Amino acid sequence: MEDKHFLLVCDDVPHDVVLTEPGVRVLDVAQVVRRLTGLSVWRSKILAAQVPAVILDGVPQEDAEAAVAALLNAGAQAEVRERPRPGSLKP
C-alpha cells in the first residue's frame, strides 16, 4: 500500500510580530506585550528589553498588524514578518 502525503496551502500564511526597539517608554511597551501575550508584567518587561524579540508567532496577518499598531502606539518599533512557506527554500 502506498502512502500519499499532501501539503495543504492556505491563503493566509502565518506571520510573526517582532519587536525591534522598545523605545523610551519601556513600561508602556511591556504593558502592551503583556496584553498581547498573557505573560506576567515582569516577563513582559524582560521580553521588551531583549530585542529583537518575537512577541507573537504564527498569527494571521490581521492580528499581526493589529499587534504591531498597538506596539507602535506605545512608542516601540515593531514589524510583521511573514513565515516562509513549508517546503520553500531560501536563496
Foldseek 3Di string as FASTA:
>chain_A
DDDDDDDDDDPWFFKWKWFAFQADQLQLLLVLLCVQQVDDSVVSSVQNVDPRHTSDTRDTPVVNVVSQVSSVVSPTHMDMGGDDDPPDDDD
